[in-house]
Amino acid sequence: MRGEGRGTDGNAPPHAVTFQLAHTDGAARRGVLRTPHGDVQTPAFMPVGTLGTVKGVTIDQLRATGAHMVLGNTYHLALRPGDETVERLGGLHRFMGWDGPILTDSGGFQVFSLSDRMTIDERGARFRSHLDGALIDLTPERAVEIQQRLGSDVAMVLDHVVALPGEPGVVAEAMRRSLRWAHRCQQAADRPDQSLFAIVQGGLDESLRRESAEGLAAMGFAGYAIGGLSVGEAPELMYRAIEATEPFLPADRPRYLMGVGRPEDLVEAVARGVDMFDCVMPTRNGRNALAFTAQGPVRLRNARWAEDRGPLEAGCPCPACRHSRGYLRHLFQSGEMLGPILVSIHNLSYYQRLMADMRTAIEAGRFSEFYDGWSRQLADGAAARAAGRSET
């Protein structure tokens, strides 16, 4: 489907991906992201499928968790199997067997993570492949080219990410370079069934965040991400950066907080007006025997669960919760691959239920009640664990 949205400058062509804001409750927003591969109910959490797969989870299992949209990684897919190969095999949707919406990141965070083998200048970033040491030349134009070959619904601009806390001059230079790169990405993008999202940078400096947001908003992108966070700063500083950015983003476009995060971070960010999230945390923690529940995390390797007959989380319909905690612990202790698979599915299901509960609360105008109740439940769980008497 093609959208009717136009850039804030009034001159951009219609976007393939559009956003409909349906309800607000304070700063919290309930909407629908409309894409060529279907609608995404927001607030939304996107499981991370770095190499065209959410680790350890089949497509049918992924759908059953309630996921609407997944994320693929431009850098990793370009290296293996290669963007041209994915294109010849029918694009990323067909390649991975997922017929719903897909967002691809631009590779900017991977460039940041490879900083010890990378050089960066106005043209782009040059670094060595972590696979074979081959020299990679990633420019804004190349980032767009890869994503157009992959065929995702949403492509991200290439940005310059820096560590936090950072030197003010370094953060400002990276933010302004990201603005210029965003314009170059926009000029290079010409696939009609794909929309481009911009990325706000500026570290923890509120004035830089505003400058970035206003500059990008004037370019008229289909959506806006808040980037450069969750890279070492305290959660409170991340929340402050969101608050500094949100007022300067177009209200009729989706807001995406990249690479975040913990369940409490999702709730806090939705309370501050964010619509979309992604993070490896549900599956990475699932592979390492940590399960998320409404009462807080359950560390299944703890000996206390060895003979526990209760489910991982009462009332959860996921396949992991058909088993006892004692059995799940046994799987991890025995090195059985089923343990990481089941707990990954549980964590993804928990995240999707959390997002669905927030959507329902916003629709009903009761988000503040949800926020208070959820925070209280989490605090009670933490207190019980500290006292050594919790079931989690």
Protein backbone atom coordinates (compact mmCIF):
# COMPACT_ATOMS: atom_id res chain seq x y z
CA MET A 1 0.00 0.00 0.00
CA ARG A 2 1.20 3.52 -0.61
CA GLY A 3 0.79 6.21 2.01
CA GLU A 4 -0.38 9.76 1.61
CA GLY A 5 2.12 11.35 3.98
CA ARG A 6 4.44 14.11 2.83
CA GLY A 7 7.53 15.56 4.33
CA THR A 8 7.28 18.54 6.62
CA ASP A 9 8.78 20.65 3.85
CA GLY A 10 5.68 19.88 1.76
CA ASN A 11 7.73 18.90 -1.31
CA ALA A 12 8.72 15.29 -0.63
CA PRO A 13 6.88 12.53 -2.50
CA PRO A 14 4.38 10.33 -0.65
CA HIS A 15 5.98 7.87 1.72
CA ALA A 16 5.50 4.11 1.33
CA VAL A 17 5.36 3.86 5.14
CA THR A 18 3.00 6.15 7.01
CA PHE A 19 1.89 6.63 10.59
CA GLN A 20 -1.60 7.17 12.01
CA LEU A 21 -1.78 8.51 15.55
CA ALA A 22 -4.98 7.17 17.09
CA HIS A 23 -4.80 8.02 20.81
CA THR A 24 -2.67 9.98 23.24
CA ASP A 25 -2.60 9.78 27.02
CA GLY A 26 -0.23 12.37 28.36
CA ALA A 27 2.90 11.94 26.25
CA ALA A 28 2.14 8.25 25.59
CA ARG A 29 0.94 7.51 22.06
CA ARG A 30 -1.13 4.74 20.46
CA GLY A 31 -0.88 4.47 16.70
CA VAL A 32 -0.56 2.34 13.61
CA LEU A 33 2.46 2.17 11.31
CA ARG A 34 1.24 1.27 7.81
CA THR A 35 3.74 -0.48 5.57
CA PRO A 36 3.71 -2.34 2.23
CA HIS A 37 3.83 -5.62 4.19
CA GLY A 38 1.10 -4.83 6.70
CA ASP A 39 0.25 -2.72 9.70
CA VAL A 40 2.23 -2.46 12.93
CA GLN A 41 0.37 -1.56 16.10
CA THR A 42 2.31 0.89 18.22
CA PRO A 43 3.88 1.12 20.72
CA ALA A 44 5.75 -1.78 19.12
CA PHE A 45 8.77 -3.90 19.92
CA MET A 46 10.78 -5.33 17.01
CA PRO A 47 12.70 -8.56 17.67
CA VAL A 48 16.21 -8.42 16.24
CA GLY A 49 16.93 -10.78 13.35
CA THR A 50 20.52 -9.75 12.71
CA LEU A 51 21.31 -12.25 9.95
CA GLY A 52 17.78 -12.85 8.70
CA THR A 53 16.80 -14.92 11.73
CA VAL A 54 15.77 -14.20 15.30
CA LYS A 55 18.25 -16.54 16.99
CA GLY A 56 16.81 -19.94 17.83
CA VAL A 57 13.24 -19.05 16.88
CA THR A 58 11.34 -20.21 13.78
CA ILE A 59 9.14 -17.81 11.83
CA ASP A 60 5.96 -19.52 13.06
CA GLN A 61 7.17 -19.30 16.65
CA LEU A 62 8.05 -15.65 16.14
CA ARG A 63 4.57 -14.87 14.84
CA ALA A 64 3.04 -16.67 17.81
CA THR A 65 4.80 -14.30 20.22
CA GLY A 66 2.74 -11.43 18.78
CA ALA A 67 5.55 -9.71 16.86
CA HIS A 68 4.40 -7.42 14.05
CA MET A 69 7.75 -6.24 12.67
CA VAL A 70 11.34 -7.48 12.80
CA LEU A 71 14.75 -5.87 12.37
CA GLY A 72 17.54 -6.99 10.05
CA ASN A 73 21.15 -5.83 10.08
CA THR A 74 22.57 -4.08 7.02
CA TYR A 75 26.23 -4.56 7.93
CA HIS A 76 26.03 -8.27 8.72
CA LEU A 77 23.79 -9.19 5.78
CA ALA A 78 26.00 -7.25 3.37
CA LEU A 79 28.98 -9.33 4.52
CA ARG A 80 27.19 -12.67 4.59
CA PRO A 81 25.53 -13.80 2.38
CA GLY A 82 25.83 -10.40 0.64
CA ASP A 83 23.14 -7.91 -0.32
CA GLU A 84 23.29 -8.92 -3.98
CA THR A 85 22.70 -12.55 -3.02
CA VAL A 86 19.70 -11.63 -0.87
CA GLU A 87 18.32 -9.56 -3.75
CA ARG A 88 18.72 -12.47 -6.21
CA LEU A 89 16.91 -14.74 -3.74
CA GLY A 90 13.90 -12.45 -3.75
CA GLY A 91 14.72 -9.90 -1.07
CA LEU A 92 14.92 -10.21 2.68
CA HIS A 93 11.23 -11.04 3.21
CA ARG A 94 11.36 -14.07 0.96
CA PHE A 95 14.89 -14.96 2.02
CA MET A 96 13.95 -15.33 5.69
CA GLY A 97 10.33 -16.39 5.15
CA TRP A 98 8.81 -13.44 7.03
CA ASP A 99 5.93 -11.77 5.19
CA GLY A 100 5.42 -8.98 7.72
CA PRO A 101 7.14 -5.60 7.90
CA ILE A 102 10.93 -5.40 8.22
CA LEU A 103 13.18 -2.52 9.32
CA THR A 104 16.87 -2.62 8.50
CA ASP A 105 19.43 -0.59 10.41
CA SER A 106 22.11 1.25 8.47
CA GLY A 107 25.29 -0.20 9.96
CA GLY A 108 26.15 2.91 11.96
CA PHE A 109 26.13 1.10 15.30
CA GLN A 110 28.30 -1.69 13.91
CA VAL A 111 30.80 0.92 12.71
CA PHE A 112 30.80 2.31 16.26
CA SER A 113 31.37 -1.16 17.74
CA LEU A 114 34.33 -1.70 15.38
CA SER A 115 35.98 1.59 16.33
CA ASP A 116 39.33 -0.06 16.99
CA ARG A 117 39.64 -0.97 13.31
CA MET A 118 37.76 1.95 11.74
CA THR A 119 38.50 5.37 10.27
CA ILE A 120 35.75 7.88 9.63
CA ASP A 121 35.58 11.13 7.69
CA GLU A 122 33.03 13.16 5.77
CA ARG A 123 32.82 10.62 2.96
CA GLY A 124 31.98 7.70 5.22
CA ALA A 125 33.53 4.93 7.30
CA ARG A 126 36.26 2.49 6.33
CA PHE A 127 36.96 -0.57 8.42
CA ARG A 128 37.96 -4.20 8.29
CA SER A 129 35.42 -7.00 8.16
CA HIS A 130 35.23 -9.00 11.36
CA LEU A 131 34.90 -12.12 9.17
CA ASP A 132 37.92 -12.02 6.90
CA GLY A 133 39.62 -8.66 7.38
CA ALA A 134 38.47 -7.33 4.00
CA LEU A 135 38.33 -3.54 3.71
CA ILE A 136 34.76 -2.21 3.88
CA ASP A 137 33.87 1.24 2.57
CA LEU A 138 30.51 2.27 4.02
CA THR A 139 29.18 5.61 2.79
CA PRO A 140 25.66 6.99 3.18
CA GLU A 141 25.00 6.08 -0.45
CA ARG A 142 26.28 2.53 0.02
CA ALA A 143 24.16 2.07 3.17
CA VAL A 144 21.06 3.02 1.18
CA GLU A 145 22.07 0.80 -1.75
CA ILE A 146 22.40 -2.24 0.51
CA GLN A 147 19.05 -1.64 2.18
CA GLN A 148 17.31 -1.13 -1.16
CA ARG A 149 18.66 -4.48 -2.32
CA LEU A 150 17.50 -6.12 0.88
CA GLY A 151 14.03 -4.68 0.25
CA SER A 152 13.04 -3.78 3.80
CA ASP A 153 9.97 -1.64 4.41
CA VAL A 154 11.94 0.85 6.51
CA ALA A 155 15.58 1.76 5.83
CA MET A 156 17.66 3.81 8.24
CA VAL A 157 20.05 6.61 7.38
CA LEU A 158 23.74 6.11 8.12
CA ASP A 159 24.73 7.98 11.26
CA HIS A 160 27.92 8.64 13.18
CA VAL A 161 27.64 7.08 16.64
CA VAL A 162 30.05 8.03 19.43
CA ALA A 163 30.54 6.64 22.93
CA LEU A 164 28.99 8.37 25.94
CA PRO A 165 29.98 10.32 27.86
CA GLY A 166 31.92 12.02 25.08
CA GLU A 167 33.91 15.18 24.53
CA PRO A 168 31.47 17.97 23.62
CA GLY A 169 33.31 18.82 20.42
CA VAL A 170 33.37 15.19 19.30
CA VAL A 171 29.66 14.73 19.99
CA ALA A 172 28.78 17.95 18.15
CA GLU A 173 30.91 17.05 15.13
CA ALA A 174 29.35 13.57 14.92
CA MET A 175 25.82 15.00 15.19
CA ARG A 176 26.37 17.53 12.40
CA ARG A 177 28.07 14.93 10.23
CA SER A 178 25.02 12.72 10.80
CA LEU A 179 22.80 15.55 9.56
CA ARG A 180 24.80 15.84 6.37
CA TRP A 181 24.85 12.08 5.90
CA ALA A 182 21.07 11.97 6.39
CA HIS A 183 20.63 14.40 3.51
CA ARG A 184 22.91 12.29 1.31
CA CYS A 185 20.92 9.16 2.20
CA GLN A 186 17.73 10.98 1.28
CA GLN A 187 19.19 12.00 -2.05
CA ALA A 188 20.28 8.42 -2.78
CA ALA A 189 17.02 6.71 -1.81
CA ASP A 190 14.74 5.99 -4.78
CA ARG A 191 13.01 2.68 -4.06
CA PRO A 192 9.27 3.55 -4.07
CA ASP A 193 8.14 0.76 -1.74
CA GLN A 194 10.67 1.62 0.97
CA SER A 195 10.73 4.57 3.37
CA LEU A 196 13.70 6.18 5.07
CA PHE A 197 13.87 7.00 8.77
CA ALA A 198 16.28 9.61 10.12
CA ILE A 199 18.33 9.26 13.32
CA VAL A 200 18.66 12.03 15.90
CA GLN A 201 22.11 12.30 17.47
CA GLY A 202 23.65 14.70 19.98
CA GLY A 203 24.70 12.57 22.92
CA LEU A 204 23.44 13.87 26.26
CA ASP A 205 23.55 17.53 25.21
CA GLU A 206 19.99 18.86 25.07
CA SER A 207 20.82 21.72 22.71
CA LEU A 208 22.52 19.34 20.27
CA ARG A 209 19.56 16.96 20.42
CA ARG A 210 17.25 19.84 19.57
CA GLU A 211 19.47 21.01 16.72
CA SER A 212 19.57 17.49 15.29
CA ALA A 213 15.83 16.90 15.64
CA GLU A 214 14.88 20.21 14.08
CA GLY A 215 17.34 19.79 11.22
CA LEU A 216 16.07 16.30 10.38
CA ALA A 217 12.40 17.27 10.76
CA ALA A 218 12.91 19.98 8.15
CA MET A 219 14.03 17.30 5.66
CA GLY A 220 10.71 15.47 5.85
CA PHE A 221 11.54 11.85 6.65
CA ALA A 222 8.89 9.15 7.08
CA GLY A 223 9.98 8.53 10.67
CA TYR A 224 12.53 9.60 13.26
CA ALA A 225 14.77 7.50 15.47
CA ILE A 226 16.44 8.59 18.67
CA GLY A 227 19.93 7.13 18.32
CA GLY A 228 23.26 7.18 20.09
CA LEU A 229 21.82 6.04 23.42
CA SER A 230 22.19 2.85 25.47
CA VAL A 231 25.94 3.07 24.84
CA GLY A 232 27.09 3.33 28.43
CA GLU A 233 25.09 6.18 29.94
CA ALA A 234 22.87 5.78 33.03
CA PRO A 235 19.16 5.14 32.35
CA GLU A 236 18.18 8.48 33.90
CA LEU A 237 20.42 10.30 31.44
CA MET A 238 18.88 8.36 28.55
CA TYR A 239 15.39 9.35 29.70
CA ARG A 240 16.48 12.98 29.91
CA ALA A 241 17.82 12.81 26.34
CA ILE A 242 14.46 11.44 25.14
CA GLU A 243 12.65 14.28 26.91
CA ALA A 244 14.98 16.78 25.25
CA THR A 245 14.32 15.32 21.79
CA GLU A 246 10.63 14.44 21.70
CA PRO A 247 9.16 17.98 21.59
CA PHE A 248 11.03 18.74 18.36
CA LEU A 249 9.95 15.67 16.40
CA PRO A 250 6.90 15.81 14.10
CA ALA A 251 3.84 14.53 15.96
CA ASP A 252 2.52 12.80 12.83
CA ARG A 253 5.61 10.62 12.35
CA PRO A 254 6.73 7.53 14.33
CA ARG A 255 9.44 7.84 16.96
CA TYR A 256 11.86 4.96 17.31
CA LEU A 257 14.28 4.50 20.22
CA MET A 258 17.11 2.37 18.83
CA GLY A 259 18.65 -0.55 20.69
CA VAL A 260 16.56 -0.25 23.86
CA GLY A 261 16.15 -2.25 25.98
CA ARG A 262 15.08 -3.45 29.42
CA PRO A 263 11.32 -3.75 30.11
CA GLU A 264 11.50 -0.74 32.44
CA ASP A 265 13.21 1.28 29.70
CA LEU A 266 10.36 0.50 27.29
CA VAL A 267 7.73 1.62 29.79
CA GLU A 268 9.64 4.80 30.65
CA ALA A 269 10.17 5.64 26.97
CA VAL A 270 6.52 5.07 26.04
CA ALA A 271 5.63 7.45 28.89
CA ARG A 272 7.83 9.98 27.10
CA GLY A 273 6.25 9.60 23.66
CA VAL A 274 8.25 6.82 21.94
CA ASP A 275 6.46 4.46 19.51
CA MET A 276 8.99 1.81 18.42
CA PHE A 277 11.82 -0.22 19.94
CA ASP A 278 14.29 -2.97 19.14
CA CYS A 279 16.81 -4.86 21.26
CA VAL A 280 18.63 -8.19 21.40
CA MET A 281 17.93 -8.40 25.13
CA PRO A 282 14.98 -10.86 25.05
CA THR A 283 16.85 -13.47 23.02
CA ARG A 284 20.35 -12.83 24.34
CA ASN A 285 19.15 -13.17 27.91
CA GLY A 286 16.99 -16.13 26.96
CA ARG A 287 20.04 -17.97 25.64
CA ASN A 288 21.72 -17.29 28.97
CA ALA A 289 18.96 -18.62 31.25
CA LEU A 290 17.46 -15.29 32.27
CA ALA A 291 13.71 -14.98 31.84
CA PHE A 292 11.68 -11.77 32.07
CA THR A 293 8.42 -11.84 34.02
CA ALA A 294 5.96 -9.29 35.35
CA GLN A 295 7.52 -9.74 38.81
CA GLY A 296 11.06 -9.26 37.53
CA PRO A 297 13.81 -11.46 36.11
CA VAL A 298 14.13 -15.17 36.87
CA ARG A 299 17.67 -16.56 36.76
CA LEU A 300 17.08 -20.19 35.93
CA ARG A 301 20.60 -21.38 36.71
CA ASN A 302 20.00 -20.62 40.40
CA ALA A 303 19.90 -23.82 42.46
CA ARG A 304 16.67 -22.72 44.13
CA TRP A 305 14.74 -23.74 41.01
CA ALA A 306 16.09 -27.30 40.82
CA GLU A 307 12.88 -28.84 42.23
CA ASP A 308 10.45 -26.04 41.53
CA ARG A 309 7.20 -27.34 40.03
CA GLY A 310 5.71 -23.99 39.12
CA PRO A 311 5.62 -22.50 35.62
CA LEU A 312 8.09 -19.85 34.58
CA GLU A 313 5.30 -17.27 34.72
CA ALA A 314 1.73 -18.05 35.75
CA GLY A 315 -0.80 -17.19 33.06
CA CYS A 316 1.72 -16.94 30.22
CA PRO A 317 0.57 -19.01 27.20
CA CYS A 318 4.02 -19.48 25.67
CA PRO A 319 5.47 -23.01 25.26
CA ALA A 320 8.13 -22.44 27.93
CA CYS A 321 5.44 -21.87 30.54
CA ARG A 322 3.97 -25.31 29.91
CA HIS A 323 7.01 -26.63 31.74
CA SER A 324 8.20 -26.27 35.31
CA ARG A 325 11.07 -24.04 36.33
CA GLY A 326 12.82 -27.17 37.51
CA TYR A 327 12.64 -28.67 34.03
CA LEU A 328 13.82 -25.49 32.33
CA ARG A 329 16.76 -25.28 34.74
CA HIS A 330 17.59 -28.91 33.94
CA LEU A 331 17.76 -28.08 30.22
CA PHE A 332 20.33 -25.35 30.82
CA GLN A 333 22.35 -27.38 33.28
CA SER A 334 22.44 -30.26 30.77
CA GLY A 335 23.45 -28.07 27.84
CA GLU A 336 20.27 -28.97 25.94
CA MET A 337 19.50 -26.52 23.12
CA LEU A 338 15.79 -26.58 23.95
CA GLY A 339 16.39 -24.46 27.05
CA PRO A 340 17.67 -21.37 25.21
CA ILE A 341 14.97 -21.79 22.56
CA LEU A 342 12.10 -21.97 25.05
CA VAL A 343 13.27 -19.08 27.23
CA SER A 344 13.97 -16.92 24.16
CA ILE A 345 10.38 -17.53 23.02
CA HIS A 346 9.11 -16.72 26.49
CA ASN A 347 11.04 -13.46 26.65
CA LEU A 348 9.82 -12.37 23.22
CA SER A 349 6.26 -13.23 24.27
CA TYR A 350 6.66 -11.24 27.48
CA TYR A 351 7.88 -8.18 25.60
CA GLN A 352 4.96 -8.37 23.16
CA ARG A 353 2.45 -8.75 26.01
CA LEU A 354 3.99 -5.73 27.71
CA MET A 355 3.56 -3.66 24.54
CA ALA A 356 -0.02 -4.89 24.08
CA ASP A 357 -0.85 -3.96 27.69
CA MET A 358 0.52 -0.46 27.12
CA ARG A 359 -1.48 -0.07 23.91
CA THR A 360 -4.66 -1.08 25.75
CA ALA A 361 -3.95 1.32 28.61
CA ILE A 362 -3.33 4.25 26.27
CA GLU A 363 -6.53 3.52 24.34
CA ALA A 364 -8.50 3.54 27.59
CA GLY A 365 -6.85 6.73 28.85
CA ARG A 366 -5.39 4.80 31.79
CA PHE A 367 -1.69 4.78 31.04
CA SER A 368 -0.76 6.53 34.28
CA GLU A 369 -2.62 3.81 36.20
CA PHE A 370 -0.82 1.14 34.20
CA TYR A 371 2.52 2.85 34.81
CA ASP A 372 1.95 3.07 38.56
CA GLY A 373 0.71 -0.51 38.85
CA TRP A 374 3.47 -1.95 36.70
CA SER A 375 6.17 -0.03 38.58
CA ARG A 376 4.73 -1.12 41.93
CA GLN A 377 4.61 -4.78 40.86
CA LEU A 378 8.21 -4.63 39.69
CA ALA A 379 9.33 -2.96 42.92
CA ASP A 380 7.45 -5.53 45.03
CA GLY A 381 9.15 -8.33 43.09
CA ALA A 382 12.56 -6.77 43.67
CA ALA A 383 11.87 -6.36 47.37
CA ALA A 384 10.72 -9.95 47.66
CA ARG A 385 13.82 -11.23 45.92
CA ALA A 386 16.01 -9.15 48.22
CA ALA A 387 14.23 -10.69 51.20
CA GLY A 388 14.81 -14.17 49.79
CA ARG A 389 11.14 -15.12 49.73
CA SER A 390 10.10 -14.49 46.16
CA GLU A 391 8.95 -17.17 43.72
CA THR A 392 11.11 -15.44 41.09
